[in-house]
Every structure is written in C-alpha cells, then in structure tokens.
Amino acid sequence: MTLTIIDTFGFLFRNFYALPPLKSKDGFPTGMITGFLNFIASLGKEFETDYLVFTLD
C-alpha cells in the first residue's frame, strides 16, 4: 500500500505564480485551479500510489 500526501496550498500558490494569468470567459481567474487539476492528472503517470491525501494548513 502506498500513500501520497500532497501539500495542497503549496501547489496552489506555485501554480498561481508560475502560470500565466488564465481567466474564464467571465473574467474569473482560473490559472490556480487549472494548474492544480493538471498536476493531479499527472500524478497517476509519475507515481504508483494507492491513496492520495490532500492536506491544508
């Protein structure tokens, strides 16, 4: 059994500052969410894990 623990705020802020300012049609900023969802999708390709835990501090 493999458990992967993710520092959620760390990745959200990293995506917010690392990605260009992405916005929806209404002007709502979506870069942080888009980057985080892409990160989650890539986890399955990089790591073999049974469980994911997303922590917030």
N, C-alpha and C. Protein backbone atom coordinates (compact mmCIF):
# COMPACT_ATOMS: atom_id res chain seq x y z
N MET A 1 0.84 -1.18 0.00
CA MET A 1 0.00 0.00 0.00
C MET A 1 0.89 1.25 0.00
N THR A 2 0.60 2.17 -0.89
CA THR A 2 1.36 3.41 -1.00
C THR A 2 0.44 4.59 -0.75
N LEU A 3 0.87 5.48 0.13
CA LEU A 3 0.12 6.68 0.48
C LEU A 3 0.93 7.89 0.04
N THR A 4 0.33 8.78 -0.73
CA THR A 4 0.99 10.00 -1.17
C THR A 4 0.29 11.19 -0.53
N ILE A 5 1.05 12.03 0.16
CA ILE A 5 0.49 13.20 0.83
C ILE A 5 0.90 14.44 0.05
N ILE A 6 -0.08 15.26 -0.30
CA ILE A 6 0.14 16.45 -1.13
C ILE A 6 -0.09 17.70 -0.28
N ASP A 7 0.86 18.63 -0.31
CA ASP A 7 0.70 19.93 0.33
C ASP A 7 -0.12 20.80 -0.63
N THR A 8 -1.42 20.83 -0.42
CA THR A 8 -2.33 21.47 -1.37
C THR A 8 -2.05 22.95 -1.54
N PHE A 9 -1.92 23.70 -0.45
CA PHE A 9 -1.67 25.14 -0.57
C PHE A 9 -0.36 25.42 -1.30
N GLY A 10 0.65 24.61 -1.05
CA GLY A 10 1.92 24.80 -1.73
C GLY A 10 1.79 24.71 -3.24
N PHE A 11 1.06 23.72 -3.71
CA PHE A 11 0.88 23.57 -5.15
C PHE A 11 -0.07 24.61 -5.72
N LEU A 12 -1.09 25.02 -4.97
CA LEU A 12 -1.99 26.06 -5.46
C LEU A 12 -1.24 27.38 -5.67
N PHE A 13 -0.43 27.77 -4.69
CA PHE A 13 0.31 29.02 -4.83
C PHE A 13 1.40 28.92 -5.88
N ARG A 14 2.01 27.76 -6.00
CA ARG A 14 3.02 27.59 -7.05
C ARG A 14 2.38 27.77 -8.42
N ASN A 15 1.20 27.18 -8.62
CA ASN A 15 0.51 27.32 -9.90
C ASN A 15 0.04 28.75 -10.13
N PHE A 16 -0.38 29.44 -9.08
CA PHE A 16 -0.85 30.81 -9.22
C PHE A 16 0.26 31.72 -9.74
N TYR A 17 1.47 31.56 -9.21
CA TYR A 17 2.56 32.44 -9.59
C TYR A 17 3.36 31.93 -10.78
N ALA A 18 3.32 30.65 -11.07
CA ALA A 18 4.13 30.10 -12.16
C ALA A 18 3.43 30.16 -13.50
N LEU A 19 2.11 30.09 -13.50
CA LEU A 19 1.37 30.07 -14.75
C LEU A 19 0.97 31.48 -15.18
N PRO A 20 0.80 31.68 -16.48
CA PRO A 20 0.29 32.98 -16.93
C PRO A 20 -1.13 33.18 -16.41
N PRO A 21 -1.57 34.42 -16.30
CA PRO A 21 -2.92 34.67 -15.76
C PRO A 21 -4.01 34.13 -16.68
N LEU A 22 -4.54 32.98 -16.35
CA LEU A 22 -5.63 32.38 -17.12
C LEU A 22 -6.96 32.85 -16.55
N LYS A 23 -7.91 33.16 -17.44
CA LYS A 23 -9.22 33.63 -16.99
C LYS A 23 -10.32 32.95 -17.80
N SER A 24 -11.48 32.83 -17.18
CA SER A 24 -12.64 32.27 -17.88
C SER A 24 -13.25 33.35 -18.77
N LYS A 25 -14.30 33.01 -19.49
CA LYS A 25 -14.97 33.98 -20.36
C LYS A 25 -15.53 35.15 -19.57
N ASP A 26 -15.90 34.89 -18.31
CA ASP A 26 -16.46 35.93 -17.46
C ASP A 26 -15.39 36.77 -16.77
N GLY A 27 -14.13 36.43 -16.95
CA GLY A 27 -13.04 37.15 -16.32
C GLY A 27 -12.60 36.60 -14.99
N PHE A 28 -13.16 35.45 -14.59
CA PHE A 28 -12.80 34.83 -13.31
C PHE A 28 -11.44 34.17 -13.44
N PRO A 29 -10.49 34.44 -12.53
CA PRO A 29 -9.16 33.82 -12.64
C PRO A 29 -9.22 32.31 -12.40
N THR A 30 -8.67 31.54 -13.34
CA THR A 30 -8.74 30.08 -13.25
C THR A 30 -7.38 29.40 -13.32
N GLY A 31 -6.30 30.16 -13.37
CA GLY A 31 -4.97 29.58 -13.52
C GLY A 31 -4.58 28.65 -12.39
N MET A 32 -4.92 29.03 -11.15
CA MET A 32 -4.56 28.23 -9.99
C MET A 32 -5.28 26.87 -10.04
N ILE A 33 -6.56 26.89 -10.34
CA ILE A 33 -7.35 25.66 -10.38
C ILE A 33 -6.93 24.79 -11.55
N THR A 34 -6.74 25.40 -12.71
CA THR A 34 -6.33 24.64 -13.89
C THR A 34 -4.99 23.95 -13.68
N GLY A 35 -4.03 24.68 -13.14
CA GLY A 35 -2.72 24.10 -12.88
C GLY A 35 -2.77 22.97 -11.87
N PHE A 36 -3.59 23.14 -10.83
CA PHE A 36 -3.69 22.10 -9.80
C PHE A 36 -4.36 20.85 -10.36
N LEU A 37 -5.40 21.00 -11.16
CA LEU A 37 -6.05 19.84 -11.77
C LEU A 37 -5.13 19.12 -12.75
N ASN A 38 -4.33 19.87 -13.49
CA ASN A 38 -3.34 19.24 -14.38
C ASN A 38 -2.30 18.47 -13.56
N PHE A 39 -1.92 19.02 -12.42
CA PHE A 39 -0.97 18.34 -11.54
C PHE A 39 -1.56 17.02 -11.03
N ILE A 40 -2.81 17.03 -10.61
CA ILE A 40 -3.47 15.81 -10.13
C ILE A 40 -3.52 14.77 -11.24
N ALA A 41 -3.84 15.21 -12.45
CA ALA A 41 -3.91 14.27 -13.58
C ALA A 41 -2.54 13.66 -13.87
N SER A 42 -1.47 14.42 -13.66
CA SER A 42 -0.13 13.91 -13.95
C SER A 42 0.39 12.98 -12.85
N LEU A 43 -0.20 13.02 -11.67
CA LEU A 43 0.26 12.16 -10.58
C LEU A 43 0.19 10.68 -10.94
N GLY A 44 -0.87 10.29 -11.62
CA GLY A 44 -1.02 8.88 -12.00
C GLY A 44 0.04 8.41 -12.96
N LYS A 45 0.58 9.32 -13.75
CA LYS A 45 1.62 8.96 -14.71
C LYS A 45 3.00 8.87 -14.05
N GLU A 46 3.22 9.68 -13.02
CA GLU A 46 4.54 9.74 -12.39
C GLU A 46 4.71 8.79 -11.21
N PHE A 47 3.65 8.56 -10.47
CA PHE A 47 3.74 7.76 -9.25
C PHE A 47 2.72 6.64 -9.26
N GLU A 48 3.12 5.51 -8.73
CA GLU A 48 2.16 4.43 -8.50
C GLU A 48 1.73 4.53 -7.04
N THR A 49 0.53 5.00 -6.81
CA THR A 49 0.05 5.21 -5.45
C THR A 49 -1.34 4.61 -5.29
N ASP A 50 -1.61 4.14 -4.10
CA ASP A 50 -2.93 3.57 -3.81
C ASP A 50 -3.88 4.63 -3.26
N TYR A 51 -3.33 5.57 -2.50
CA TYR A 51 -4.15 6.59 -1.86
C TYR A 51 -3.50 7.96 -2.02
N LEU A 52 -4.33 8.98 -2.22
CA LEU A 52 -3.87 10.36 -2.24
C LEU A 52 -4.53 11.09 -1.08
N VAL A 53 -3.72 11.87 -0.36
CA VAL A 53 -4.23 12.69 0.73
C VAL A 53 -3.83 14.13 0.41
N PHE A 54 -4.82 15.02 0.38
CA PHE A 54 -4.57 16.44 0.13
C PHE A 54 -4.71 17.19 1.45
N THR A 55 -3.61 17.79 1.90
CA THR A 55 -3.60 18.46 3.19
C THR A 55 -3.70 19.97 3.00
N LEU A 56 -4.31 20.61 3.97
CA LEU A 56 -4.41 22.07 4.02
C LEU A 56 -3.92 22.51 5.39
N ASP A 57 -3.10 23.54 5.40
CA ASP A 57 -2.63 24.03 6.70
C ASP A 57 -3.20 25.39 7.01
